[in-house]
Amino acid sequence: MTRRIDRLSEDDRVLWNLVAHTAKPVKGRTAVEIPHVGPEIDETRQAPPPAQVAGNAATAAKPKAQHVSHALDEPTLDKLSKGRLPIEGRVDLHGLTQDEAYSLLFSFLHRAHAGGIRYVLVITGKGSSSGGDGVLRRAVPSWLSTPAFRPLVSSHDHAARKHGGSGALYIRLRRARS
């Protein structure tokens, strides 16, 4: 006997929304309009799409003389790679477009930050088999440095080999303010 579940969790709803918008109708049928159902995020903190961020970055003035490093410190990186520091959440961005990955990453990090989680693993993948770097592998670290992610992300670095190596990132989230 199967049990019917009427309510989806926030993660399931975000994932279903991403999948539903990519589905194509069967030949001879019309597409059903699917309303956008995403996580309930405060609209004032909503992140702009990556295309907008890239456009703003190109026209933005030079950064201040003060350089902020976003790399994890060596002891923390060592503890994460050896499993002495728990990774409390993980998200896999494989197979998503940049827009989908950006939205999923922002909502995931926003929820993790609100939940008091400190360390998460973001799996971007290593890229195409043709030898080039993956689009998400290059894009995600630059997204984490944008103003939309700054209130959430303290630092980030490439993961250890057993956690995905250069195809994954450890992210330390800022402490949530009371």
N, C-alpha and C. Protein backbone atom coordinates (compact mmCIF):
# COMPACT_ATOMS: atom_id res chain seq x y z
N MET A 1 0.83 -1.17 0.00
CA MET A 1 0.00 0.00 0.00
C MET A 1 0.88 1.24 0.00
N THR A 2 0.61 2.17 -0.87
CA THR A 2 1.40 3.39 -0.93
C THR A 2 0.67 4.50 -0.21
N ARG A 3 1.46 5.38 0.35
CA ARG A 3 0.90 6.51 1.07
C ARG A 3 1.02 7.75 0.19
N ARG A 4 -0.03 8.48 0.05
CA ARG A 4 -0.03 9.68 -0.78
C ARG A 4 0.43 10.87 0.04
N ILE A 5 1.37 11.59 -0.53
CA ILE A 5 1.88 12.78 0.15
C ILE A 5 1.33 13.99 -0.59
N ASP A 6 0.55 14.80 0.12
CA ASP A 6 -0.10 15.95 -0.51
C ASP A 6 0.80 17.18 -0.56
N ARG A 7 1.74 17.30 0.34
CA ARG A 7 2.56 18.50 0.41
C ARG A 7 4.01 18.17 0.08
N LEU A 8 4.61 19.03 -0.73
CA LEU A 8 6.02 18.87 -1.08
C LEU A 8 6.86 19.75 -0.17
N SER A 9 8.06 19.30 0.12
CA SER A 9 8.97 20.13 0.89
C SER A 9 9.46 21.26 -0.02
N GLU A 10 10.12 22.25 0.56
CA GLU A 10 10.64 23.37 -0.23
C GLU A 10 11.64 22.88 -1.28
N ASP A 11 12.52 21.96 -0.90
CA ASP A 11 13.50 21.42 -1.84
C ASP A 11 12.82 20.70 -2.99
N ASP A 12 11.81 19.88 -2.67
CA ASP A 12 11.09 19.16 -3.71
C ASP A 12 10.34 20.11 -4.64
N ARG A 13 9.78 21.17 -4.07
CA ARG A 13 9.04 22.12 -4.87
C ARG A 13 9.96 22.87 -5.84
N VAL A 14 11.14 23.27 -5.35
CA VAL A 14 12.10 23.97 -6.22
C VAL A 14 12.56 23.03 -7.33
N LEU A 15 12.88 21.79 -6.96
CA LEU A 15 13.33 20.82 -7.96
C LEU A 15 12.23 20.53 -8.98
N TRP A 16 11.00 20.32 -8.52
CA TRP A 16 9.89 20.05 -9.43
C TRP A 16 9.67 21.23 -10.38
N ASN A 17 9.76 22.43 -9.87
CA ASN A 17 9.57 23.62 -10.69
C ASN A 17 10.62 23.70 -11.79
N LEU A 18 11.87 23.39 -11.45
CA LEU A 18 12.93 23.40 -12.46
C LEU A 18 12.67 22.36 -13.55
N VAL A 19 12.25 21.17 -13.14
CA VAL A 19 11.99 20.10 -14.10
C VAL A 19 10.75 20.40 -14.95
N ALA A 20 9.70 20.88 -14.33
CA ALA A 20 8.45 21.13 -15.03
C ALA A 20 8.60 22.19 -16.12
N HIS A 21 9.43 23.19 -15.88
CA HIS A 21 9.60 24.25 -16.88
C HIS A 21 10.45 23.80 -18.06
N THR A 22 11.17 22.70 -17.94
CA THR A 22 11.99 22.21 -19.05
C THR A 22 11.28 21.14 -19.86
N ALA A 23 10.15 20.64 -19.37
CA ALA A 23 9.42 19.59 -20.08
C ALA A 23 8.72 20.13 -21.32
N LYS A 24 8.70 19.32 -22.37
CA LYS A 24 8.02 19.70 -23.62
C LYS A 24 6.79 18.81 -23.79
N PRO A 25 5.70 19.38 -24.32
CA PRO A 25 4.48 18.57 -24.47
C PRO A 25 4.65 17.51 -25.55
N VAL A 26 3.87 16.44 -25.43
CA VAL A 26 3.86 15.39 -26.42
C VAL A 26 3.32 15.95 -27.73
N LYS A 27 3.81 15.44 -28.85
CA LYS A 27 3.39 15.93 -30.17
C LYS A 27 1.87 15.88 -30.30
N GLY A 28 1.30 16.99 -30.74
CA GLY A 28 -0.14 17.07 -30.91
C GLY A 28 -0.87 17.59 -29.68
N ARG A 29 -0.20 17.80 -28.60
CA ARG A 29 -0.82 18.30 -27.38
C ARG A 29 -0.34 19.72 -27.11
N THR A 30 -1.13 20.48 -26.39
CA THR A 30 -0.72 21.84 -26.03
C THR A 30 -0.09 21.83 -24.65
N ALA A 31 0.78 22.76 -24.43
CA ALA A 31 1.47 22.85 -23.15
C ALA A 31 0.52 23.36 -22.07
N VAL A 32 0.64 22.81 -20.88
CA VAL A 32 -0.14 23.24 -19.74
C VAL A 32 0.65 24.35 -19.05
N GLU A 33 -0.03 25.43 -18.72
CA GLU A 33 0.64 26.55 -18.05
C GLU A 33 0.95 26.14 -16.62
N ILE A 34 2.22 26.21 -16.27
CA ILE A 34 2.65 25.84 -14.92
C ILE A 34 3.03 27.12 -14.19
N PRO A 35 2.34 27.41 -13.09
CA PRO A 35 2.71 28.62 -12.34
C PRO A 35 4.06 28.44 -11.69
N HIS A 36 4.79 29.54 -11.58
CA HIS A 36 6.11 29.49 -10.95
C HIS A 36 5.93 29.39 -9.45
N VAL A 37 6.34 28.26 -8.88
CA VAL A 37 6.24 28.06 -7.45
C VAL A 37 7.65 27.86 -6.94
N GLY A 38 8.19 28.88 -6.30
CA GLY A 38 9.55 28.82 -5.79
C GLY A 38 9.55 29.00 -4.30
N PRO A 39 10.73 29.01 -3.73
CA PRO A 39 10.79 29.21 -2.29
C PRO A 39 10.36 30.61 -1.91
N GLU A 40 9.77 30.71 -0.72
CA GLU A 40 9.30 32.01 -0.26
C GLU A 40 10.49 32.80 0.25
N ILE A 41 11.05 33.64 -0.63
CA ILE A 41 12.21 34.45 -0.28
C ILE A 41 11.77 35.90 -0.30
N ASP A 42 12.25 36.64 0.65
CA ASP A 42 11.95 38.06 0.72
C ASP A 42 12.38 38.72 -0.58
N GLU A 43 11.45 39.35 -1.27
CA GLU A 43 11.73 39.94 -2.58
C GLU A 43 12.80 41.03 -2.52
N THR A 44 12.96 41.67 -1.38
CA THR A 44 13.99 42.70 -1.28
C THR A 44 15.38 42.09 -1.29
N ARG A 45 15.49 40.80 -0.95
CA ARG A 45 16.79 40.13 -0.93
C ARG A 45 16.96 39.22 -2.14
N GLN A 46 16.01 39.23 -3.07
CA GLN A 46 16.06 38.37 -4.25
C GLN A 46 17.29 38.72 -5.09
N ALA A 47 18.01 37.71 -5.52
CA ALA A 47 19.22 37.92 -6.32
C ALA A 47 18.86 38.17 -7.77
N PRO A 48 19.60 39.04 -8.47
CA PRO A 48 19.36 39.25 -9.88
C PRO A 48 19.85 38.04 -10.67
N PRO A 49 19.30 37.80 -11.87
CA PRO A 49 19.76 36.67 -12.67
C PRO A 49 21.22 36.87 -13.07
N PRO A 50 21.95 35.75 -13.34
CA PRO A 50 23.37 35.85 -13.63
C PRO A 50 23.70 36.73 -14.83
N ALA A 51 22.82 36.79 -15.82
CA ALA A 51 23.08 37.62 -17.00
C ALA A 51 23.14 39.09 -16.57
N GLN A 52 22.27 39.48 -15.64
CA GLN A 52 22.26 40.85 -15.14
C GLN A 52 23.53 41.13 -14.33
N VAL A 53 23.95 40.17 -13.53
CA VAL A 53 25.14 40.33 -12.72
C VAL A 53 26.36 40.49 -13.62
N ALA A 54 26.46 39.66 -14.68
CA ALA A 54 27.59 39.75 -15.59
C ALA A 54 27.61 41.10 -16.29
N GLY A 55 26.46 41.61 -16.68
CA GLY A 55 26.39 42.91 -17.34
C GLY A 55 26.80 44.02 -16.40
N ASN A 56 26.38 43.94 -15.14
CA ASN A 56 26.74 44.96 -14.17
C ASN A 56 28.22 44.90 -13.83
N ALA A 57 28.79 43.71 -13.80
CA ALA A 57 30.21 43.56 -13.47
C ALA A 57 31.08 44.20 -14.53
N ALA A 58 30.66 44.09 -15.78
CA ALA A 58 31.46 44.66 -16.87
C ALA A 58 31.45 46.18 -16.83
N THR A 59 30.34 46.78 -16.39
CA THR A 59 30.23 48.24 -16.38
C THR A 59 30.60 48.84 -15.03
N ALA A 60 30.81 48.00 -14.02
CA ALA A 60 31.09 48.50 -12.67
C ALA A 60 32.48 49.13 -12.61
N ALA A 61 32.64 50.03 -11.65
CA ALA A 61 33.94 50.69 -11.47
C ALA A 61 34.92 49.69 -10.87
N LYS A 62 36.19 50.06 -10.86
CA LYS A 62 37.23 49.21 -10.30
C LYS A 62 36.94 48.97 -8.82
N PRO A 63 37.25 47.77 -8.31
CA PRO A 63 37.02 47.52 -6.89
C PRO A 63 37.93 48.38 -6.03
N LYS A 64 37.58 48.49 -4.75
CA LYS A 64 38.37 49.27 -3.81
C LYS A 64 39.77 48.67 -3.69
N ALA A 65 40.70 49.44 -3.19
CA ALA A 65 42.08 48.99 -3.04
C ALA A 65 42.18 47.82 -2.06
N GLN A 66 41.25 47.71 -1.13
CA GLN A 66 41.26 46.64 -0.16
C GLN A 66 40.84 45.34 -0.85
N HIS A 67 41.70 44.32 -0.79
CA HIS A 67 41.40 43.04 -1.44
C HIS A 67 40.92 42.05 -0.38
N VAL A 68 39.79 41.43 -0.60
CA VAL A 68 39.23 40.47 0.34
C VAL A 68 39.40 39.08 -0.25
N SER A 69 40.06 38.21 0.48
CA SER A 69 40.26 36.84 0.02
C SER A 69 39.04 36.01 0.39
N HIS A 70 38.59 35.19 -0.52
CA HIS A 70 37.42 34.36 -0.27
C HIS A 70 37.79 32.91 -0.05
N ALA A 71 39.09 32.61 0.09
CA ALA A 71 39.53 31.24 0.29
C ALA A 71 39.40 30.86 1.76
N LEU A 72 39.11 29.58 1.99
CA LEU A 72 39.05 29.08 3.36
C LEU A 72 40.46 29.03 3.94
N ASP A 73 40.56 29.20 5.26
CA ASP A 73 41.87 29.09 5.89
C ASP A 73 42.32 27.62 5.88
N GLU A 74 43.62 27.41 5.93
CA GLU A 74 44.20 26.07 5.79
C GLU A 74 43.72 25.07 6.84
N PRO A 75 43.66 25.42 8.13
CA PRO A 75 43.16 24.43 9.12
C PRO A 75 41.72 24.00 8.86
N THR A 76 40.87 24.94 8.48
CA THR A 76 39.46 24.61 8.21
C THR A 76 39.36 23.71 6.98
N LEU A 77 40.11 24.04 5.94
CA LEU A 77 40.11 23.23 4.71
C LEU A 77 40.59 21.81 5.02
N ASP A 78 41.61 21.70 5.85
CA ASP A 78 42.14 20.39 6.24
C ASP A 78 41.10 19.59 7.02
N LYS A 79 40.39 20.24 7.96
CA LYS A 79 39.37 19.55 8.75
C LYS A 79 38.20 19.10 7.89
N LEU A 80 37.79 19.94 6.93
CA LEU A 80 36.69 19.56 6.04
C LEU A 80 37.08 18.38 5.18
N SER A 81 38.30 18.41 4.62
CA SER A 81 38.72 17.34 3.72
C SER A 81 38.90 16.02 4.44
N LYS A 82 39.27 16.06 5.73
CA LYS A 82 39.47 14.83 6.48
C LYS A 82 38.21 14.37 7.21
N GLY A 83 37.13 15.13 7.10
CA GLY A 83 35.87 14.74 7.72
C GLY A 83 35.76 15.08 9.19
N ARG A 84 36.68 15.89 9.73
CA ARG A 84 36.62 16.26 11.14
C ARG A 84 35.66 17.42 11.38
N LEU A 85 35.30 18.11 10.32
CA LEU A 85 34.32 19.19 10.38
C LEU A 85 33.15 18.76 9.50
N PRO A 86 31.93 18.70 10.04
CA PRO A 86 30.81 18.16 9.25
C PRO A 86 30.35 19.09 8.12
N ILE A 87 30.05 18.49 6.98
CA ILE A 87 29.41 19.20 5.88
C ILE A 87 27.92 19.01 6.11
N GLU A 88 27.23 20.09 6.45
CA GLU A 88 25.85 20.00 6.91
C GLU A 88 24.81 20.06 5.79
N GLY A 89 25.24 20.37 4.59
CA GLY A 89 24.32 20.41 3.46
C GLY A 89 25.09 20.29 2.16
N ARG A 90 24.41 19.80 1.14
CA ARG A 90 25.04 19.71 -0.17
C ARG A 90 23.99 19.89 -1.25
N VAL A 91 24.42 20.46 -2.37
CA VAL A 91 23.54 20.67 -3.51
C VAL A 91 24.33 20.31 -4.77
N ASP A 92 23.67 19.62 -5.69
CA ASP A 92 24.30 19.18 -6.94
C ASP A 92 23.71 19.99 -8.09
N LEU A 93 24.54 20.72 -8.81
CA LEU A 93 24.09 21.57 -9.90
C LEU A 93 24.31 20.93 -11.28
N HIS A 94 24.67 19.64 -11.31
CA HIS A 94 24.89 18.95 -12.58
C HIS A 94 23.70 19.08 -13.51
N GLY A 95 23.95 19.34 -14.77
CA GLY A 95 22.91 19.31 -15.79
C GLY A 95 21.97 20.50 -15.80
N LEU A 96 22.20 21.50 -14.97
CA LEU A 96 21.32 22.66 -14.95
C LEU A 96 21.91 23.77 -15.82
N THR A 97 21.04 24.61 -16.35
CA THR A 97 21.51 25.79 -17.07
C THR A 97 22.03 26.79 -16.04
N GLN A 98 22.69 27.84 -16.50
CA GLN A 98 23.23 28.83 -15.58
C GLN A 98 22.12 29.50 -14.77
N ASP A 99 21.02 29.85 -15.43
CA ASP A 99 19.91 30.50 -14.72
C ASP A 99 19.31 29.58 -13.66
N GLU A 100 19.10 28.30 -14.02
CA GLU A 100 18.54 27.34 -13.08
C GLU A 100 19.50 27.12 -11.91
N ALA A 101 20.78 26.97 -12.24
CA ALA A 101 21.78 26.73 -11.20
C ALA A 101 21.89 27.92 -10.26
N TYR A 102 21.85 29.12 -10.81
CA TYR A 102 21.94 30.34 -10.00
C TYR A 102 20.77 30.42 -9.02
N SER A 103 19.56 30.18 -9.53
CA SER A 103 18.37 30.24 -8.68
C SER A 103 18.40 29.18 -7.59
N LEU A 104 18.77 27.95 -7.98
CA LEU A 104 18.82 26.86 -7.01
C LEU A 104 19.90 27.13 -5.96
N LEU A 105 21.07 27.58 -6.39
CA LEU A 105 22.16 27.87 -5.46
C LEU A 105 21.78 28.98 -4.50
N PHE A 106 21.18 30.05 -5.01
CA PHE A 106 20.80 31.16 -4.14
C PHE A 106 19.75 30.72 -3.12
N SER A 107 18.73 29.99 -3.56
CA SER A 107 17.69 29.57 -2.61
C SER A 107 18.26 28.56 -1.60
N PHE A 108 19.13 27.66 -2.05
CA PHE A 108 19.74 26.68 -1.15
C PHE A 108 20.58 27.38 -0.08
N LEU A 109 21.44 28.30 -0.51
CA LEU A 109 22.30 29.01 0.45
C LEU A 109 21.49 29.90 1.39
N HIS A 110 20.43 30.50 0.87
CA HIS A 110 19.58 31.35 1.70
C HIS A 110 18.91 30.52 2.81
N ARG A 111 18.39 29.35 2.44
CA ARG A 111 17.74 28.47 3.43
C ARG A 111 18.75 27.91 4.42
N ALA A 112 19.94 27.53 3.91
CA ALA A 112 20.97 26.99 4.80
C ALA A 112 21.43 28.05 5.79
N HIS A 113 21.62 29.27 5.32
CA HIS A 113 22.03 30.38 6.19
C HIS A 113 20.96 30.64 7.25
N ALA A 114 19.71 30.66 6.83
CA ALA A 114 18.61 30.89 7.77
C ALA A 114 18.52 29.77 8.80
N GLY A 115 18.91 28.56 8.41
CA GLY A 115 18.87 27.42 9.31
C GLY A 115 20.09 27.30 10.20
N GLY A 116 21.03 28.22 10.09
CA GLY A 116 22.21 28.20 10.96
C GLY A 116 23.29 27.24 10.52
N ILE A 117 23.22 26.75 9.30
CA ILE A 117 24.24 25.83 8.79
C ILE A 117 25.51 26.63 8.47
N ARG A 118 26.68 26.05 8.76
CA ARG A 118 27.94 26.76 8.54
C ARG A 118 28.69 26.28 7.30
N TYR A 119 28.75 24.96 7.05
CA TYR A 119 29.54 24.43 5.94
C TYR A 119 28.68 23.60 5.01
N VAL A 120 28.75 23.92 3.71
CA VAL A 120 28.00 23.17 2.70
C VAL A 120 28.94 22.80 1.56
N LEU A 121 28.52 21.82 0.78
CA LEU A 121 29.26 21.38 -0.40
C LEU A 121 28.40 21.66 -1.61
N VAL A 122 28.95 22.36 -2.59
CA VAL A 122 28.25 22.64 -3.84
C VAL A 122 28.98 21.89 -4.95
N ILE A 123 28.27 20.99 -5.61
CA ILE A 123 28.86 20.17 -6.67
C ILE A 123 28.52 20.81 -8.00
N THR A 124 29.54 21.26 -8.72
CA THR A 124 29.34 21.91 -10.01
C THR A 124 29.64 20.98 -11.17
N GLY A 125 30.44 19.97 -10.94
CA GLY A 125 30.90 19.10 -12.02
C GLY A 125 32.20 19.66 -12.59
N LYS A 126 32.93 18.82 -13.29
CA LYS A 126 34.23 19.24 -13.81
C LYS A 126 34.16 19.79 -15.20
N GLY A 127 33.03 19.66 -15.87
CA GLY A 127 32.92 20.23 -17.21
C GLY A 127 32.70 19.17 -18.27
N SER A 128 32.75 19.63 -19.50
CA SER A 128 32.48 18.74 -20.62
C SER A 128 33.63 17.77 -20.84
N SER A 129 33.36 16.70 -21.55
CA SER A 129 34.38 15.69 -21.82
C SER A 129 35.33 16.13 -22.92
N SER A 130 35.08 17.27 -23.55
CA SER A 130 35.94 17.74 -24.63
C SER A 130 37.18 18.47 -24.13
N GLY A 131 37.40 18.43 -22.83
CA GLY A 131 38.62 19.00 -22.28
C GLY A 131 38.48 20.42 -21.75
N GLY A 132 37.39 21.11 -22.02
CA GLY A 132 37.22 22.47 -21.54
C GLY A 132 36.70 22.51 -20.12
N ASP A 133 36.92 23.64 -19.47
CA ASP A 133 36.37 23.82 -18.13
C ASP A 133 34.86 23.91 -18.23
N GLY A 134 34.17 23.44 -17.22
CA GLY A 134 32.73 23.52 -17.20
C GLY A 134 32.26 24.95 -16.95
N VAL A 135 31.11 25.27 -17.50
CA VAL A 135 30.54 26.61 -17.35
C VAL A 135 30.24 26.89 -15.88
N LEU A 136 29.59 25.95 -15.20
CA LEU A 136 29.25 26.17 -13.79
C LEU A 136 30.50 26.16 -12.92
N ARG A 137 31.47 25.36 -13.28
CA ARG A 137 32.72 25.30 -12.52
C ARG A 137 33.41 26.67 -12.50
N ARG A 138 33.32 27.40 -13.61
CA ARG A 138 33.90 28.74 -13.68
C ARG A 138 32.97 29.80 -13.08
N ALA A 139 31.66 29.63 -13.28
CA ALA A 139 30.71 30.68 -12.91
C ALA A 139 30.41 30.74 -11.42
N VAL A 140 30.27 29.60 -10.77
CA VAL A 140 29.82 29.58 -9.37
C VAL A 140 30.75 30.38 -8.45
N PRO A 141 32.09 30.21 -8.53
CA PRO A 141 32.94 31.04 -7.65
C PRO A 141 32.77 32.54 -7.88
N SER A 142 32.55 32.95 -9.12
CA SER A 142 32.34 34.38 -9.37
C SER A 142 30.98 34.83 -8.84
N TRP A 143 29.96 33.98 -8.89
CA TRP A 143 28.66 34.34 -8.32
C TRP A 143 28.77 34.56 -6.83
N LEU A 144 29.58 33.73 -6.16
CA LEU A 144 29.70 33.81 -4.71
C LEU A 144 30.33 35.12 -4.25
N SER A 145 30.99 35.82 -5.17
CA SER A 145 31.62 37.10 -4.84
C SER A 145 30.72 38.30 -5.15
N THR A 146 29.53 38.06 -5.68
CA THR A 146 28.63 39.16 -6.03
C THR A 146 27.89 39.68 -4.80
N PRO A 147 27.36 40.90 -4.87
CA PRO A 147 26.64 41.48 -3.72
C PRO A 147 25.45 40.64 -3.25
N ALA A 148 24.81 39.88 -4.13
CA ALA A 148 23.66 39.08 -3.72
C ALA A 148 24.07 37.96 -2.76
N PHE A 149 25.26 37.41 -2.94
CA PHE A 149 25.71 36.29 -2.11
C PHE A 149 26.55 36.74 -0.92
N ARG A 150 27.07 37.95 -0.92
CA ARG A 150 27.96 38.41 0.14
C ARG A 150 27.37 38.32 1.54
N PRO A 151 26.07 38.63 1.75
CA PRO A 151 25.52 38.49 3.11
C PRO A 151 25.43 37.03 3.57
N LEU A 152 25.51 36.08 2.65
CA LEU A 152 25.36 34.67 2.98
C LEU A 152 26.70 33.95 3.10
N VAL A 153 27.64 34.22 2.18
CA VAL A 153 28.87 33.45 2.05
C VAL A 153 30.04 34.17 2.70
N SER A 154 30.72 33.45 3.58
CA SER A 154 31.92 33.99 4.22
C SER A 154 33.15 33.69 3.38
N SER A 155 33.31 32.42 2.96
CA SER A 155 34.44 32.03 2.14
C SER A 155 34.13 30.73 1.42
N HIS A 156 34.96 30.40 0.43
CA HIS A 156 34.77 29.18 -0.33
C HIS A 156 36.11 28.72 -0.89
N ASP A 157 36.20 27.42 -1.20
CA ASP A 157 37.43 26.86 -1.76
C ASP A 157 37.09 25.54 -2.43
N HIS A 158 38.02 25.05 -3.27
CA HIS A 158 37.80 23.77 -3.94
C HIS A 158 37.77 22.65 -2.92
N ALA A 159 36.96 21.65 -3.19
CA ALA A 159 36.79 20.54 -2.27
C ALA A 159 37.95 19.55 -2.41
N ALA A 160 38.07 18.69 -1.40
CA ALA A 160 39.06 17.61 -1.43
C ALA A 160 38.63 16.59 -2.48
N ARG A 161 39.57 15.77 -2.88
CA ARG A 161 39.30 14.79 -3.94
C ARG A 161 38.12 13.87 -3.60
N LYS A 162 38.03 13.44 -2.35
CA LYS A 162 36.94 12.52 -1.98
C LYS A 162 35.57 13.19 -1.98
N HIS A 163 35.52 14.53 -1.98
CA HIS A 163 34.26 15.27 -2.04
C HIS A 163 33.99 15.84 -3.42
N GLY A 164 34.81 15.52 -4.41
CA GLY A 164 34.56 15.99 -5.76
C GLY A 164 35.70 16.79 -6.37
N GLY A 165 36.74 17.08 -5.58
CA GLY A 165 37.91 17.79 -6.09
C GLY A 165 37.57 19.13 -6.70
N SER A 166 38.12 19.39 -7.88
CA SER A 166 37.91 20.68 -8.52
C SER A 166 36.49 20.82 -9.10
N GLY A 167 35.70 19.76 -9.03
CA GLY A 167 34.32 19.83 -9.50
C GLY A 167 33.33 20.13 -8.38
N ALA A 168 33.85 20.53 -7.22
CA ALA A 168 32.99 20.84 -6.08
C ALA A 168 33.64 21.94 -5.25
N LEU A 169 32.82 22.61 -4.47
CA LEU A 169 33.30 23.71 -3.63
C LEU A 169 32.81 23.54 -2.20
N TYR A 170 33.72 23.79 -1.24
CA TYR A 170 33.30 23.93 0.14
C TYR A 170 32.90 25.39 0.30
N ILE A 171 31.80 25.64 0.98
CA ILE A 171 31.37 27.01 1.25
C ILE A 171 31.12 27.16 2.74
N ARG A 172 31.74 28.20 3.32
CA ARG A 172 31.47 28.54 4.71
C ARG A 172 30.47 29.69 4.70
N LEU A 173 29.33 29.48 5.33
CA LEU A 173 28.30 30.51 5.40
C LEU A 173 28.53 31.41 6.61
N ARG A 174 28.09 32.64 6.50
CA ARG A 174 28.19 33.57 7.61
C ARG A 174 27.25 33.13 8.72
N ARG A 175 27.54 33.54 9.91
CA ARG A 175 26.66 33.24 11.03
C ARG A 175 25.38 34.06 10.88
N ALA A 176 24.24 33.44 11.15
CA ALA A 176 22.96 34.14 11.06
C ALA A 176 22.83 35.08 12.26
N ARG A 177 22.42 36.30 11.98
CA ARG A 177 22.23 37.27 13.07
C ARG A 177 20.88 37.05 13.72
N SER A 178 20.84 37.19 15.02
CA SER A 178 19.59 36.95 15.77
C SER A 178 18.63 38.08 15.59
